[in-house]
């Protein structure tokens, strides 16, 4: 009887494994293989050449890669600084009914098409848009500000507003799940609110921070629509750079850039996981050496 249940569990486990293999691992493996193929006119043919990687590392695309890393890091940090206080307030100081309502409101923008939401920023940040009108109206500037739109600033705004809502949910789950008795115990021992937050709440909410960073950074790094719409003509991040290579049918180059992006994300995630779970990480090293 027990053996039959174990077999059934293994059978159920095979379903998600097969799903991930067919829809994720196999396409990534194919993309990696195509990155070594060569381009012969409008066609590509199987080969083993590093031409596409050399083209990526030698040209302006490497600068785009560095800019994408920086933009994703900035958007993630800003998004975390905004999302954490919201999640903390919802998780510790708001009644559950109100919390559910507020969290539901954060899903409302996703009912609107993503491209339309991004295009809305071109109206808000334009020279004749509401933001410039408000700045002139309160006397901060004498004339319309040009750098609000089609700039690094507007791209950063687009990235933050696109992915910050995704960061709130794992943060809220982590903070709301903290046992209140631990916080009360900190108060009983004489710790002030700041010390309680730094020594109890923040460390226990790190799983949520870890998940939020993944949502924010990975999404921002691969973004293609935001730089195209809010960055203006010629503004490139990795997402629209890969799309540009596909537009001219340079599939090996697009596959090479995609492979570099995936490997970079895996390395960064492994590094962040090591930092996030440093004690366990160091313990494994010690046990391995012994």
Protein backbone atom coordinates (compact mmCIF):
# COMPACT_ATOMS: atom_id res chain seq x y z
CA UNK A 1 0.00 0.00 0.00
CA UNK A 2 2.80 2.38 0.98
CA UNK A 3 4.74 1.48 -2.16
CA UNK A 4 1.68 2.28 -4.29
CA UNK A 5 1.32 5.70 -2.68
CA UNK A 6 5.01 6.42 -3.26
CA UNK A 7 4.65 5.46 -6.91
CA UNK A 8 1.62 7.73 -7.24
CA UNK A 9 3.53 10.63 -5.68
CA UNK A 10 6.44 10.07 -8.04
CA UNK A 11 3.99 10.02 -10.95
CA UNK A 12 2.49 13.33 -9.88
CA UNK A 13 5.98 14.79 -9.46
CA UNK A 14 6.83 13.80 -13.01
CA UNK A 15 4.09 16.08 -14.39
CA UNK A 16 5.64 19.43 -13.31
CA UNK A 17 9.12 18.12 -14.19
CA UNK A 18 7.96 17.27 -17.71
CA UNK A 19 6.17 20.62 -17.93
CA UNK A 20 9.32 22.56 -16.98
CA UNK A 21 11.49 20.45 -19.28
CA UNK A 22 9.30 20.90 -22.36
CA UNK A 23 8.36 24.55 -21.89
CA UNK A 24 11.51 25.95 -20.25
CA UNK A 25 14.63 23.82 -20.37
CA UNK A 26 14.21 22.59 -23.97
CA UNK A 27 13.68 26.10 -25.46
CA UNK A 28 16.65 27.44 -23.49
CA UNK A 29 18.82 24.56 -24.69
CA UNK A 30 17.73 25.19 -28.29
CA UNK A 31 18.47 28.92 -27.92
CA UNK A 32 21.94 28.11 -26.58
CA UNK A 33 22.59 25.74 -29.51
CA UNK A 34 21.44 28.30 -32.11
CA UNK A 35 23.81 30.88 -30.63
CA UNK A 36 26.71 28.87 -32.12
CA UNK A 37 25.18 28.57 -35.57
CA UNK A 38 26.35 30.71 -38.45
CA UNK A 39 24.42 33.10 -40.62
CA UNK A 40 24.56 32.57 -44.38
CA UNK A 41 22.73 35.48 -45.97
CA UNK A 42 19.10 35.48 -44.87
CA UNK A 43 19.41 31.89 -43.64
CA UNK A 44 21.20 30.22 -40.75
CA UNK A 45 22.81 26.81 -40.67
CA UNK A 46 24.07 24.54 -37.90
CA UNK A 47 27.72 25.08 -37.03
CA UNK A 48 29.96 25.71 -34.06
CA UNK A 49 31.26 29.25 -34.22
CA UNK A 50 31.76 32.02 -31.67
CA UNK A 51 31.07 34.74 -34.24
CA UNK A 52 27.84 35.87 -32.60
CA UNK A 53 29.44 36.09 -29.15
CA UNK A 54 32.37 38.03 -30.58
CA UNK A 55 29.95 40.41 -32.30
CA UNK A 56 28.16 40.91 -29.00
CA UNK A 57 31.31 41.49 -26.93
CA UNK A 58 33.08 43.71 -29.46
CA UNK A 59 30.41 46.24 -30.29
CA UNK A 60 28.08 48.71 -28.65
CA UNK A 61 25.89 45.82 -27.50
CA UNK A 62 28.21 45.22 -24.57
CA UNK A 63 27.61 48.82 -23.49
CA UNK A 64 23.87 48.12 -23.76
CA UNK A 65 24.36 45.06 -21.54
CA UNK A 66 26.11 47.16 -18.88
CA UNK A 67 23.42 49.85 -19.11
CA UNK A 68 20.72 47.20 -18.71
CA UNK A 69 22.38 45.84 -15.57
CA UNK A 70 22.60 49.33 -14.10
CA UNK A 71 19.02 50.24 -15.03
CA UNK A 72 17.68 46.98 -13.59
CA UNK A 73 19.64 47.46 -10.36
CA UNK A 74 18.41 51.05 -9.97
CA UNK A 75 14.80 50.09 -10.70
CA UNK A 76 15.00 47.19 -8.22
CA UNK A 77 16.46 49.30 -5.41
CA UNK A 78 13.94 52.12 -5.92
CA UNK A 79 11.09 49.63 -6.21
CA UNK A 80 12.20 47.92 -3.00
CA UNK A 81 12.41 51.23 -1.15
CA UNK A 82 8.83 51.99 -2.19
CA UNK A 83 7.35 48.50 -1.86
CA UNK A 84 8.81 47.58 1.55
CA UNK A 85 7.18 50.42 3.55
CA UNK A 86 3.86 49.76 1.83
CA UNK A 87 4.06 46.03 2.55
CA UNK A 88 5.23 46.70 6.13
CA UNK A 89 2.32 49.03 6.82
CA UNK A 90 -0.19 46.62 5.29
CA UNK A 91 1.27 43.66 7.13
CA UNK A 92 1.61 45.22 10.59
CA UNK A 93 -0.76 48.17 10.96
CA UNK A 94 -3.81 47.64 8.75
CA UNK A 95 -6.89 45.50 9.33
CA UNK A 96 -7.13 42.41 7.06
CA UNK A 97 -10.22 43.71 5.26
CA UNK A 98 -8.49 46.98 4.36
CA UNK A 99 -5.34 45.10 3.38
CA UNK A 100 -7.25 42.91 0.94
CA UNK A 101 -8.82 46.00 -0.62
CA UNK A 102 -5.49 47.78 -1.03
CA UNK A 103 -3.81 44.69 -2.49
CA UNK A 104 -6.71 44.32 -4.92
CA UNK A 105 -6.23 47.95 -6.00
CA UNK A 106 -2.61 47.17 -6.90
CA UNK A 107 -3.91 44.63 -9.41
CA UNK A 108 -6.16 47.16 -11.19
CA UNK A 109 -3.39 48.53 -13.49
CA UNK A 110 -2.84 45.01 -14.81
CA UNK A 111 -6.38 44.99 -16.17
CA UNK A 112 -5.16 47.56 -18.71
CA UNK A 113 -2.96 46.46 -21.59
CA UNK A 114 0.73 46.71 -20.65
CA UNK A 115 1.64 48.71 -23.77
CA UNK A 116 -1.19 51.19 -23.16
CA UNK A 117 -0.07 51.67 -19.55
CA UNK A 118 3.44 52.43 -20.74
CA UNK A 119 2.19 54.82 -23.42
CA UNK A 120 0.25 56.69 -20.72
CA UNK A 121 3.57 57.89 -19.32
CA UNK A 122 4.39 59.63 -22.61
CA UNK A 123 1.34 61.83 -22.03
CA UNK A 124 2.05 62.43 -18.33
CA UNK A 125 5.74 63.31 -18.85
CA UNK A 126 5.45 65.25 -22.12
CA UNK A 127 6.34 68.96 -22.36
CA UNK A 128 2.63 69.79 -22.36
CA UNK A 129 1.69 67.00 -19.96
CA UNK A 130 0.28 67.22 -16.42
CA UNK A 131 3.65 66.76 -14.70
CA UNK A 132 5.24 69.72 -16.47
CA UNK A 133 2.11 71.79 -15.93
CA UNK A 134 2.22 71.00 -12.21
CA UNK A 135 5.93 71.89 -11.93
CA UNK A 136 5.34 75.23 -13.65
CA UNK A 137 2.19 75.85 -11.62
CA UNK A 138 3.92 75.47 -8.24
CA UNK A 139 6.89 77.55 -9.39
CA UNK A 140 9.61 74.88 -9.36
CA UNK A 141 10.51 75.59 -13.00
CA UNK A 142 9.92 78.52 -15.37
CA UNK A 143 9.39 76.45 -18.50
CA UNK A 144 8.68 72.86 -19.50
CA UNK A 145 11.38 70.34 -18.56
CA UNK A 146 12.68 68.29 -21.50
CA UNK A 147 14.40 65.44 -19.65
CA UNK A 148 11.20 64.04 -18.14
CA UNK A 149 10.50 62.08 -21.31
CA UNK A 150 12.70 60.07 -23.71
CA UNK A 151 15.53 59.82 -21.20
CA UNK A 152 17.07 57.53 -18.59
CA UNK A 153 14.66 59.11 -16.09
CA UNK A 154 11.51 58.17 -18.01
CA UNK A 155 12.81 54.63 -18.61
CA UNK A 156 13.52 54.28 -14.89
CA UNK A 157 10.01 55.52 -14.07
CA UNK A 158 8.56 52.98 -16.48
CA UNK A 159 10.57 50.10 -15.02
CA UNK A 160 9.73 50.97 -11.42
CA UNK A 161 6.00 51.38 -12.03
CA UNK A 162 5.89 48.18 -14.10
CA UNK A 163 7.53 45.88 -11.57
CA UNK A 164 7.17 47.53 -8.16
CA UNK A 165 3.61 46.17 -7.66
CA UNK A 166 4.96 42.64 -8.14
CA UNK A 167 7.40 43.28 -5.31
CA UNK A 168 4.72 44.24 -2.79
CA UNK A 169 3.03 40.84 -2.61
CA UNK A 170 5.98 38.64 -1.52
CA UNK A 171 7.09 41.36 0.91
CA UNK A 172 3.61 41.56 2.42
CA UNK A 173 3.39 37.78 2.75
CA UNK A 174 6.74 37.62 4.52
CA UNK A 175 6.01 40.52 6.90
CA UNK A 176 2.43 39.47 7.69
CA UNK A 177 3.68 35.96 8.46
CA UNK A 178 6.05 37.10 11.21
CA UNK A 179 4.89 35.88 14.63
CA UNK A 180 3.82 38.94 16.61
CA UNK A 181 5.02 37.27 19.80
CA UNK A 182 8.60 37.67 18.59
CA UNK A 183 8.10 41.42 18.20
CA UNK A 184 6.39 41.65 21.57
CA UNK A 185 9.26 39.72 23.14
CA UNK A 186 11.67 42.29 21.70
CA UNK A 187 9.64 45.08 23.29
CA UNK A 188 9.55 43.27 26.63
CA UNK A 189 13.35 43.06 26.65
CA UNK A 190 13.51 46.85 26.28
CA UNK A 191 14.31 47.20 22.57
CA UNK A 192 12.99 50.35 20.94
CA UNK A 193 10.95 50.17 17.68
CA UNK A 194 14.00 50.85 15.51
CA UNK A 195 16.03 48.07 17.13
CA UNK A 196 13.07 45.69 16.92
CA UNK A 197 12.71 46.37 13.21
CA UNK A 198 16.42 45.92 12.48
CA UNK A 199 16.91 42.83 14.65
CA UNK A 200 13.58 41.03 14.28
CA UNK A 201 11.31 42.24 11.48
CA UNK A 202 13.89 42.89 8.76
CA UNK A 203 15.83 39.60 9.15
CA UNK A 204 12.61 37.56 9.26
CA UNK A 205 11.26 39.33 6.17
CA UNK A 206 14.34 38.55 4.07
CA UNK A 207 12.65 35.68 2.19
CA UNK A 208 10.17 38.26 0.91
CA UNK A 209 12.99 40.64 0.02
CA UNK A 210 14.72 37.82 -1.85
CA UNK A 211 11.57 37.07 -3.89
CA UNK A 212 10.89 40.78 -4.51
CA UNK A 213 14.40 41.35 -5.84
CA UNK A 214 13.98 38.43 -8.23
CA UNK A 215 10.69 39.82 -9.54
CA UNK A 216 12.06 43.34 -9.90
CA UNK A 217 15.54 42.70 -11.25
CA UNK A 218 14.85 39.88 -13.69
CA UNK A 219 11.79 41.64 -15.09
CA UNK A 220 13.57 44.99 -15.49
CA UNK A 221 16.67 43.46 -17.04
CA UNK A 222 14.77 41.75 -19.82
CA UNK A 223 12.32 44.60 -20.46
CA UNK A 224 11.81 45.57 -24.09
CA UNK A 225 8.67 47.72 -24.33
CA UNK A 226 9.60 50.37 -21.75
CA UNK A 227 12.90 51.47 -23.37
CA UNK A 228 11.31 51.45 -26.81
CA UNK A 229 8.34 53.63 -25.78
CA UNK A 230 9.85 55.84 -23.06
CA UNK A 231 13.49 55.89 -24.11
CA UNK A 232 12.93 57.37 -27.54
CA UNK A 233 14.59 56.63 -30.87
CA UNK A 234 17.86 54.74 -30.48
CA UNK A 235 17.52 54.03 -26.76
CA UNK A 236 18.57 50.44 -26.19
CA UNK A 237 18.34 47.96 -23.34
CA UNK A 238 18.87 44.23 -23.75
CA UNK A 239 15.21 43.47 -24.39
CA UNK A 240 14.78 45.70 -27.44
CA UNK A 241 18.35 45.00 -28.61
CA UNK A 242 17.50 41.32 -28.89
CA UNK A 243 14.27 42.25 -30.67
CA UNK A 244 16.27 44.38 -33.13
CA UNK A 245 18.48 41.39 -33.96
CA UNK A 246 15.38 39.27 -34.57
CA UNK A 247 13.92 41.96 -36.85
CA UNK A 248 16.89 41.57 -39.24
CA UNK A 249 16.71 37.76 -38.96
CA UNK A 250 20.04 37.52 -37.14
CA UNK A 251 18.89 34.62 -35.00
CA UNK A 252 22.36 33.45 -33.87
CA UNK A 253 23.17 36.92 -32.50
CA UNK A 254 19.79 37.16 -30.79
CA UNK A 255 20.31 33.67 -29.32
CA UNK A 256 23.82 34.58 -28.14
CA UNK A 257 22.59 37.73 -26.39
CA UNK A 258 19.69 35.81 -24.86
CA UNK A 259 22.07 33.12 -23.61
CA UNK A 260 24.33 35.73 -22.02
CA UNK A 261 21.31 37.30 -20.31
CA UNK A 262 20.10 33.94 -18.95
CA UNK A 263 23.54 32.93 -17.68
CA UNK A 264 24.03 36.36 -16.09
CA UNK A 265 20.68 36.07 -14.32
CA UNK A 266 21.54 32.59 -13.03
CA UNK A 267 24.91 33.80 -11.73
CA UNK A 268 23.37 36.83 -10.02
CA UNK A 269 20.58 34.74 -8.51
CA UNK A 270 23.09 32.19 -7.21
CA UNK A 271 25.18 35.00 -5.72
CA UNK A 272 22.13 36.63 -4.11
CA UNK A 273 20.98 33.29 -2.73
CA UNK A 274 24.44 32.72 -1.25
CA UNK A 275 24.33 36.13 0.43
CA UNK A 276 20.73 35.62 1.52
CA UNK A 277 21.48 32.25 3.13
CA UNK A 278 25.10 32.90 4.08
CA UNK A 279 25.15 30.81 7.23
CA UNK A 280 23.93 27.74 5.43
CA UNK A 281 26.28 28.50 2.53
CA UNK A 282 29.33 28.75 4.77
CA UNK A 283 28.25 25.67 6.70
CA UNK A 284 28.16 23.66 3.48
CA UNK A 285 31.71 24.80 2.63
CA UNK A 286 32.99 23.81 6.05
CA UNK A 287 31.35 20.39 5.88
CA UNK A 288 32.72 19.87 2.34
CA UNK A 289 36.28 20.64 3.43
CA UNK A 290 36.01 18.39 6.46
